[in-house]
Each structure stands twice: as C-alpha cells, then as structure tokens.
Amino acid sequence: MEPIGTIIVVIGWIVAFVAAVAFLVTAFQESLLWGFGCLLLPIVSLIFLVMYWDKAGKPFLVWLAGLGILFLGSLLS
C-alpha cells in the first residue's frame, strides 16, 4: 500500500502547486502590487482571497483539494 500512497502524495503536491501558481497568476493579472504582495506576504494572499473571491476562489478551492489528496496519500503510506 505504500507505493500507492506515495503516488497519491505526489499527485496531491502537483495539484496544490498548480493551484498555487494559478492563484498567483490571478493576483498578478489584477495588478503587480497584488501579485508581489501575495508572493511575499501570506496575509496579503488572504486579503486578496477575501476581496477577489470571484476570481481567486476557484484556485484556492483546488489548492485545498490538493492538500486533501496529499493528506489522504500520507495516511496511506
């Protein structure tokens, strides 16, 4: 069961990484200041998420799903 868990962990990491990049792309599309703020300061990411939920909500939810997959894989391995 350990190799399957490892594969699921890797899939979770990939999903979470792609979603995080999509979140940053969304922030940079809004403005350079939002993009660099989200890149450098975690609190700015939270503020951006709340203020622009319609744009940033989907990447955030996909990121949470990736973390869930990662957690499931770590339980299996």
PDB file of N, CA and C in Angstrom:
ATOM      1  N   MET A   1       0.819  -1.199   0.000  1.00  0.00           N
ATOM      2  CA  MET A   1       0.000   0.000   0.000  1.00  0.00           C
ATOM      3  C   MET A   1       0.863   1.265   0.000  1.00  0.00           C
ATOM      4  N   GLU A   2       2.112   1.126   0.394  1.00  0.00           N
ATOM      5  CA  GLU A   2       2.983   2.294   0.477  1.00  0.00           C
ATOM      6  C   GLU A   2       3.268   2.950  -0.875  1.00  0.00           C
ATOM      7  N   PRO A   3       3.525   2.175  -1.952  1.00  0.00           N
ATOM      8  CA  PRO A   3       3.757   2.841  -3.248  1.00  0.00           C
ATOM      9  C   PRO A   3       2.527   3.619  -3.739  1.00  0.00           C
ATOM     10  N   ILE A   4       1.353   3.098  -3.481  1.00  0.00           N
ATOM     11  CA  ILE A   4       0.134   3.804  -3.892  1.00  0.00           C
ATOM     12  C   ILE A   4       0.001   5.105  -3.109  1.00  0.00           C
ATOM     13  N   GLY A   5       0.297   5.061  -1.820  1.00  0.00           N
ATOM     14  CA  GLY A   5       0.253   6.269  -1.002  1.00  0.00           C
ATOM     15  C   GLY A   5       1.237   7.313  -1.480  1.00  0.00           C
ATOM     16  N   THR A   6       2.419   6.866  -1.865  1.00  0.00           N
ATOM     17  CA  THR A   6       3.435   7.792  -2.374  1.00  0.00           C
ATOM     18  C   THR A   6       2.979   8.440  -3.670  1.00  0.00           C
ATOM     19  N   ILE A   7       2.377   7.665  -4.549  1.00  0.00           N
ATOM     20  CA  ILE A   7       1.871   8.212  -5.811  1.00  0.00           C
ATOM     21  C   ILE A   7       0.774   9.238  -5.540  1.00  0.00           C
ATOM     22  N   ILE A   8      -0.113   8.943  -4.588  1.00  0.00           N
ATOM     23  CA  ILE A   8      -1.192   9.878  -4.259  1.00  0.00           C
ATOM     24  C   ILE A   8      -0.628  11.158  -3.649  1.00  0.00           C
ATOM     25  N   VAL A   9       0.422  11.034  -2.822  1.00  0.00           N
ATOM     26  CA  VAL A   9       1.063  12.223  -2.253  1.00  0.00           C
ATOM     27  C   VAL A   9       1.645  13.099  -3.362  1.00  0.00           C
ATOM     28  N   VAL A  10       2.302  12.481  -4.317  1.00  0.00           N
ATOM     29  CA  VAL A  10       2.887  13.240  -5.429  1.00  0.00           C
ATOM     30  C   VAL A  10       1.786  13.930  -6.234  1.00  0.00           C
ATOM     31  N   ILE A  11       0.694  13.250  -6.489  1.00  0.00           N
ATOM     32  CA  ILE A  11      -0.430  13.855  -7.211  1.00  0.00           C
ATOM     33  C   ILE A  11      -0.985  15.038  -6.423  1.00  0.00           C
ATOM     34  N   GLY A  12      -1.105  14.876  -5.109  1.00  0.00           N
ATOM     35  CA  GLY A  12      -1.581  15.976  -4.263  1.00  0.00           C
ATOM     36  C   GLY A  12      -0.662  17.184  -4.321  1.00  0.00           C
ATOM     37  N   TRP A  13       0.651  16.938  -4.295  1.00  0.00           N
ATOM     38  CA  TRP A  13       1.620  18.036  -4.399  1.00  0.00           C
ATOM     39  C   TRP A  13       1.481  18.758  -5.733  1.00  0.00           C
ATOM     40  N   ILE A  14       1.326  17.996  -6.799  1.00  0.00           N
ATOM     41  CA  ILE A  14       1.213  18.600  -8.131  1.00  0.00           C
ATOM     42  C   ILE A  14      -0.053  19.447  -8.230  1.00  0.00           C
ATOM     43  N   VAL A  15      -1.172  18.920  -7.748  1.00  0.00           N
ATOM     44  CA  VAL A  15      -2.436  19.666  -7.794  1.00  0.00           C
ATOM     45  C   VAL A  15      -2.322  20.942  -6.966  1.00  0.00           C
ATOM     46  N   ALA A  16      -1.766  20.838  -5.761  1.00  0.00           N
ATOM     47  CA  ALA A  16      -1.629  22.012  -4.894  1.00  0.00           C
ATOM     48  C   ALA A  16      -0.688  23.047  -5.513  1.00  0.00           C
ATOM     49  N   PHE A  17       0.398  22.587  -6.129  1.00  0.00           N
ATOM     50  CA  PHE A  17       1.353  23.505  -6.746  1.00  0.00           C
ATOM     51  C   PHE A  17       0.727  24.240  -7.922  1.00  0.00           C
ATOM     52  N   VAL A  18       0.033  23.519  -8.781  1.00  0.00           N
ATOM     53  CA  VAL A  18      -0.601  24.143  -9.952  1.00  0.00           C
ATOM     54  C   VAL A  18      -1.659  25.153  -9.503  1.00  0.00           C
ATOM     55  N   ALA A  19      -2.415  24.818  -8.462  1.00  0.00           N
ATOM     56  CA  ALA A  19      -3.432  25.741  -7.956  1.00  0.00           C
ATOM     57  C   ALA A  19      -2.790  26.981  -7.339  1.00  0.00           C
ATOM     58  N   ALA A  20      -1.679  26.811  -6.639  1.00  0.00           N
ATOM     59  CA  ALA A  20      -0.984  27.967  -6.055  1.00  0.00           C
ATOM     60  C   ALA A  20      -0.450  28.888  -7.145  1.00  0.00           C
ATOM     61  N   VAL A  21       0.076  28.308  -8.201  1.00  0.00           N
ATOM     62  CA  VAL A  21       0.547  29.124  -9.328  1.00  0.00           C
ATOM     63  C   VAL A  21      -0.629  29.839  -9.985  1.00  0.00           C
ATOM     64  N   ALA A  22      -1.760  29.164 -10.130  1.00  0.00           N
ATOM     65  CA  ALA A  22      -2.945  29.795 -10.715  1.00  0.00           C
ATOM     66  C   ALA A  22      -3.425  30.951  -9.839  1.00  0.00           C
ATOM     67  N   PHE A  23      -3.341  30.786  -8.523  1.00  0.00           N
ATOM     68  CA  PHE A  23      -3.710  31.862  -7.605  1.00  0.00           C
ATOM     69  C   PHE A  23      -2.794  33.069  -7.802  1.00  0.00           C
ATOM     70  N   LEU A  24      -1.488  32.817  -7.910  1.00  0.00           N
ATOM     71  CA  LEU A  24      -0.541  33.910  -8.127  1.00  0.00           C
ATOM     72  C   LEU A  24      -0.756  34.584  -9.476  1.00  0.00           C
ATOM     73  N   VAL A  25      -1.055  33.809 -10.495  1.00  0.00           N
ATOM     74  CA  VAL A  25      -1.334  34.381 -11.816  1.00  0.00           C
ATOM     75  C   VAL A  25      -2.558  35.295 -11.729  1.00  0.00           C
ATOM     76  N   THR A  26      -3.571  34.859 -10.992  1.00  0.00           N
ATOM     77  CA  THR A  26      -4.761  35.681 -10.808  1.00  0.00           C
ATOM     78  C   THR A  26      -4.417  36.988 -10.105  1.00  0.00           C
ATOM     79  N   ALA A  27      -3.567  36.908  -9.084  1.00  0.00           N
ATOM     80  CA  ALA A  27      -3.159  38.117  -8.363  1.00  0.00           C
ATOM     81  C   ALA A  27      -2.360  39.047  -9.276  1.00  0.00           C
ATOM     82  N   PHE A  28      -1.443  38.500 -10.060  1.00  0.00           N
ATOM     83  CA  PHE A  28      -0.658  39.336 -10.974  1.00  0.00           C
ATOM     84  C   PHE A  28      -1.522  39.926 -12.085  1.00  0.00           C
ATOM     85  N   GLN A  29      -2.570  39.226 -12.492  1.00  0.00           N
ATOM     86  CA  GLN A  29      -3.471  39.775 -13.501  1.00  0.00           C
ATOM     87  C   GLN A  29      -4.239  40.979 -12.961  1.00  0.00           C
ATOM     88  N   GLU A  30      -4.492  40.961 -11.665  1.00  0.00           N
ATOM     89  CA  GLU A  30      -5.182  42.101 -11.059  1.00  0.00           C
ATOM     90  C   GLU A  30      -4.269  43.322 -11.019  1.00  0.00           C
ATOM     91  N   SER A  31      -3.051  43.153 -10.520  1.00  0.00           N
ATOM     92  CA  SER A  31      -2.042  44.212 -10.553  1.00  0.00           C
ATOM     93  C   SER A  31      -0.711  43.637 -10.087  1.00  0.00           C
ATOM     94  N   LEU A  32       0.357  44.325 -10.424  1.00  0.00           N
ATOM     95  CA  LEU A  32       1.683  43.877  -9.999  1.00  0.00           C
ATOM     96  C   LEU A  32       1.828  43.927  -8.481  1.00  0.00           C
ATOM     97  N   LEU A  33       1.230  44.930  -7.852  1.00  0.00           N
ATOM     98  CA  LEU A  33       1.327  45.035  -6.396  1.00  0.00           C
ATOM     99  C   LEU A  33       0.635  43.868  -5.699  1.00  0.00           C
ATOM    100  N   TRP A  34      -0.546  43.483  -6.180  1.00  0.00           N
ATOM    101  CA  TRP A  34      -1.220  42.318  -5.610  1.00  0.00           C
ATOM    102  C   TRP A  34      -0.383  41.065  -5.819  1.00  0.00           C
ATOM    103  N   GLY A  35       0.171  40.930  -6.990  1.00  0.00           N
ATOM    104  CA  GLY A  35       0.967  39.748  -7.295  1.00  0.00           C
ATOM    105  C   GLY A  35       2.181  39.627  -6.402  1.00  0.00           C
ATOM    106  N   PHE A  36       2.963  40.699  -6.301  1.00  0.00           N
ATOM    107  CA  PHE A  36       4.149  40.644  -5.451  1.00  0.00           C
ATOM    108  C   PHE A  36       3.782  40.553  -3.977  1.00  0.00           C
ATOM    109  N   GLY A  37       2.687  41.200  -3.602  1.00  0.00           N
ATOM    110  CA  GLY A  37       2.232  41.100  -2.215  1.00  0.00           C
ATOM    111  C   GLY A  37       1.852  39.675  -1.847  1.00  0.00           C
ATOM    112  N   CYS A  38       1.111  39.007  -2.736  1.00  0.00           N
ATOM    113  CA  CYS A  38       0.729  37.614  -2.481  1.00  0.00           C
ATOM    114  C   CYS A  38       1.940  36.685  -2.508  1.00  0.00           C
ATOM    115  N   LEU A  39       2.906  37.022  -3.315  1.00  0.00           N
ATOM    116  CA  LEU A  39       4.100  36.201  -3.415  1.00  0.00           C
ATOM    117  C   LEU A  39       4.967  36.311  -2.162  1.00  0.00           C
ATOM    118  N   LEU A  40       5.019  37.491  -1.561  1.00  0.00           N
ATOM    119  CA  LEU A  40       5.952  37.736  -0.466  1.00  0.00           C
ATOM    120  C   LEU A  40       5.319  37.725   0.928  1.00  0.00           C
ATOM    121  N   LEU A  41       4.042  38.074   1.034  1.00  0.00           N
ATOM    122  CA  LEU A  41       3.400  38.192   2.346  1.00  0.00           C
ATOM    123  C   LEU A  41       2.129  37.345   2.401  1.00  0.00           C
ATOM    124  N   PRO A  42       2.083  36.349   3.257  1.00  0.00           N
ATOM    125  CA  PRO A  42       0.903  35.473   3.307  1.00  0.00           C
ATOM    126  C   PRO A  42      -0.395  36.202   3.668  1.00  0.00           C
ATOM    127  N   ILE A  43      -0.314  37.233   4.509  1.00  0.00           N
ATOM    128  CA  ILE A  43      -1.536  37.944   4.889  1.00  0.00           C
ATOM    129  C   ILE A  43      -2.156  38.664   3.690  1.00  0.00           C
ATOM    130  N   VAL A  44      -1.329  39.094   2.763  1.00  0.00           N
ATOM    131  CA  VAL A  44      -1.844  39.755   1.555  1.00  0.00           C
ATOM    132  C   VAL A  44      -2.622  38.750   0.708  1.00  0.00           C
ATOM    133  N   SER A  45      -2.175  37.510   0.692  1.00  0.00           N
ATOM    134  CA  SER A  45      -2.906  36.466  -0.051  1.00  0.00           C
ATOM    135  C   SER A  45      -4.298  36.272   0.533  1.00  0.00           C
ATOM    136  N   LEU A  46      -4.390  36.288   1.850  1.00  0.00           N
ATOM    137  CA  LEU A  46      -5.691  36.140   2.499  1.00  0.00           C
ATOM    138  C   LEU A  46      -6.599  37.332   2.185  1.00  0.00           C
ATOM    139  N   ILE A  47      -6.040  38.517   2.236  1.00  0.00           N
ATOM    140  CA  ILE A  47      -6.821  39.717   1.914  1.00  0.00           C
ATOM    141  C   ILE A  47      -7.267  39.682   0.457  1.00  0.00           C
ATOM    142  N   PHE A  48      -6.365  39.289  -0.437  1.00  0.00           N
ATOM    143  CA  PHE A  48      -6.717  39.181  -1.855  1.00  0.00           C
ATOM    144  C   PHE A  48      -7.826  38.150  -2.055  1.00  0.00           C
ATOM    145  N   LEU A  49      -7.730  37.037  -1.358  1.00  0.00           N
ATOM    146  CA  LEU A  49      -8.748  35.993  -1.484  1.00  0.00           C
ATOM    147  C   LEU A  49     -10.120  36.509  -1.073  1.00  0.00           C
ATOM    148  N   VAL A  50     -10.173  37.241   0.025  1.00  0.00           N
ATOM    149  CA  VAL A  50     -11.456  37.757   0.505  1.00  0.00           C
ATOM    150  C   VAL A  50     -11.997  38.838  -0.437  1.00  0.00           C
ATOM    151  N   MET A  51     -11.122  39.725  -0.879  1.00  0.00           N
ATOM    152  CA  MET A  51     -11.579  40.836  -1.722  1.00  0.00           C
ATOM    153  C   MET A  51     -11.954  40.399  -3.140  1.00  0.00           C
ATOM    154  N   TYR A  52     -11.264  39.384  -3.670  1.00  0.00           N
ATOM    155  CA  TYR A  52     -11.487  38.946  -5.048  1.00  0.00           C
ATOM    156  C   TYR A  52     -11.895  37.471  -5.082  1.00  0.00           C
ATOM    157  N   TRP A  53     -12.855  37.113  -4.233  1.00  0.00           N
ATOM    158  CA  TRP A  53     -13.283  35.721  -4.148  1.00  0.00           C
ATOM    159  C   TRP A  53     -13.785  35.205  -5.498  1.00  0.00           C
ATOM    160  N   ASP A  54     -14.458  36.046  -6.260  1.00  0.00           N
ATOM    161  CA  ASP A  54     -14.997  35.601  -7.549  1.00  0.00           C
ATOM    162  C   ASP A  54     -13.900  35.158  -8.509  1.00  0.00           C
ATOM    163  N   LYS A  55     -12.710  35.755  -8.401  1.00  0.00           N
ATOM    164  CA  LYS A  55     -11.594  35.383  -9.279  1.00  0.00           C
ATOM    165  C   LYS A  55     -10.655  34.374  -8.612  1.00  0.00           C
ATOM    166  N   ALA A  56     -10.416  34.529  -7.325  1.00  0.00           N
ATOM    167  CA  ALA A  56      -9.402  33.724  -6.633  1.00  0.00           C
ATOM    168  C   ALA A  56      -9.983  32.522  -5.904  1.00  0.00           C
ATOM    169  N   GLY A  57     -11.282  32.410  -5.866  1.00  0.00           N
ATOM    170  CA  GLY A  57     -11.910  31.324  -5.122  1.00  0.00           C
ATOM    171  C   GLY A  57     -11.642  29.947  -5.712  1.00  0.00           C
ATOM    172  N   LYS A  58     -11.727  29.829  -7.025  1.00  0.00           N
ATOM    173  CA  LYS A  58     -11.529  28.524  -7.662  1.00  0.00           C
ATOM    174  C   LYS A  58     -10.106  27.993  -7.459  1.00  0.00           C
ATOM    175  N   PRO A  59      -9.050  28.799  -7.707  1.00  0.00           N
ATOM    176  CA  PRO A  59      -7.705  28.270  -7.428  1.00  0.00           C
ATOM    177  C   PRO A  59      -7.503  27.906  -5.960  1.00  0.00           C
ATOM    178  N   PHE A  60      -8.111  28.672  -5.068  1.00  0.00           N
ATOM    179  CA  PHE A  60      -7.993  28.372  -3.644  1.00  0.00           C
ATOM    180  C   PHE A  60      -8.656  27.044  -3.306  1.00  0.00           C
ATOM    181  N   LEU A  61      -9.842  26.806  -3.843  1.00  0.00           N
ATOM    182  CA  LEU A  61     -10.542  25.550  -3.559  1.00  0.00           C
ATOM    183  C   LEU A  61      -9.816  24.354  -4.173  1.00  0.00           C
ATOM    184  N   VAL A  62      -9.229  24.535  -5.347  1.00  0.00           N
ATOM    185  CA  VAL A  62      -8.435  23.464  -5.956  1.00  0.00           C
ATOM    186  C   VAL A  62      -7.196  23.195  -5.109  1.00  0.00           C
ATOM    187  N   TRP A  63      -6.587  24.253  -4.561  1.00  0.00           N
ATOM    188  CA  TRP A  63      -5.435  24.099  -3.663  1.00  0.00           C
ATOM    189  C   TRP A  63      -5.831  23.304  -2.427  1.00  0.00           C
ATOM    190  N   LEU A  64      -7.000  23.601  -1.863  1.00  0.00           N
ATOM    191  CA  LEU A  64      -7.475  22.835  -0.703  1.00  0.00           C
ATOM    192  C   LEU A  64      -7.703  21.366  -1.073  1.00  0.00           C
ATOM    193  N   ALA A  65      -8.236  21.125  -2.262  1.00  0.00           N
ATOM    194  CA  ALA A  65      -8.428  19.750  -2.715  1.00  0.00           C
ATOM    195  C   ALA A  65      -7.082  19.042  -2.850  1.00  0.00           C
ATOM    196  N   GLY A  66      -6.088  19.742  -3.377  1.00  0.00           N
ATOM    197  CA  GLY A  66      -4.746  19.160  -3.476  1.00  0.00           C
ATOM    198  C   GLY A  66      -4.182  18.804  -2.109  1.00  0.00           C
ATOM    199  N   LEU A  67      -4.409  19.673  -1.130  1.00  0.00           N
ATOM    200  CA  LEU A  67      -3.952  19.362   0.236  1.00  0.00           C
ATOM    201  C   LEU A  67      -4.698  18.163   0.807  1.00  0.00           C
ATOM    202  N   GLY A  68      -5.976  18.056   0.473  1.00  0.00           N
ATOM    203  CA  GLY A  68      -6.748  16.889   0.914  1.00  0.00           C
ATOM    204  C   GLY A  68      -6.217  15.602   0.303  1.00  0.00           C
ATOM    205  N   ILE A  69      -5.900  15.643  -0.974  1.00  0.00           N
ATOM    206  CA  ILE A  69      -5.316  14.478  -1.646  1.00  0.00           C
ATOM    207  C   ILE A  69      -3.971  14.133  -1.020  1.00  0.00           C
ATOM    208  N   LEU A  70      -3.180  15.152  -0.752  1.00  0.00           N
ATOM    209  CA  LEU A  70      -1.874  14.953  -0.119  1.00  0.00           C
ATOM    210  C   LEU A  70      -2.028  14.305   1.255  1.00  0.00           C
ATOM    211  N   PHE A  71      -2.984  14.771   2.025  1.00  0.00           N
ATOM    212  CA  PHE A  71      -3.240  14.203   3.352  1.00  0.00           C
ATOM    213  C   PHE A  71      -3.692  12.752   3.245  1.00  0.00           C
ATOM    214  N   LEU A  72      -4.562  12.463   2.313  1.00  0.00           N
ATOM    215  CA  LEU A  72      -5.028  11.092   2.104  1.00  0.00           C
ATOM    216  C   LEU A  72      -3.861  10.176   1.728  1.00  0.00           C
ATOM    217  N   GLY A  73      -3.024  10.643   0.831  1.00  0.00           N
ATOM    218  CA  GLY A  73      -1.858   9.849   0.446  1.00  0.00           C
ATOM    219  C   GLY A  73      -0.901   9.620   1.589  1.00  0.00           C
ATOM    220  N   SER A  74      -0.748  10.621   2.452  1.00  0.00           N
ATOM    221  CA  SER A  74       0.164  10.440   3.591  1.00  0.00           C
ATOM    222  C   SER A  74      -0.425   9.449   4.595  1.00  0.00           C
ATOM    223  N   LEU A  75      -1.738   9.379   4.682  1.00  0.00           N
ATOM    224  CA  LEU A  75      -2.350   8.379   5.561  1.00  0.00           C
ATOM    225  C   LEU A  75      -2.146   6.964   5.017  1.00  0.00           C
ATOM    226  N   LEU A  76      -2.130   6.837   3.704  1.00  0.00           N
ATOM    227  CA  LEU A  76      -1.985   5.521   3.087  1.00  0.00           C
ATOM    228  C   LEU A  76      -0.547   5.030   3.082  1.00  0.00           C
ATOM    229  N   SER A  77       0.420   5.946   3.182  1.00  0.00           N
ATOM    230  CA  SER A  77       1.808   5.496   3.107  1.00  0.00           C
ATOM    231  C   SER A  77       2.475   5.431   4.470  1.00  0.00           C
TER     232      SER A  77
END
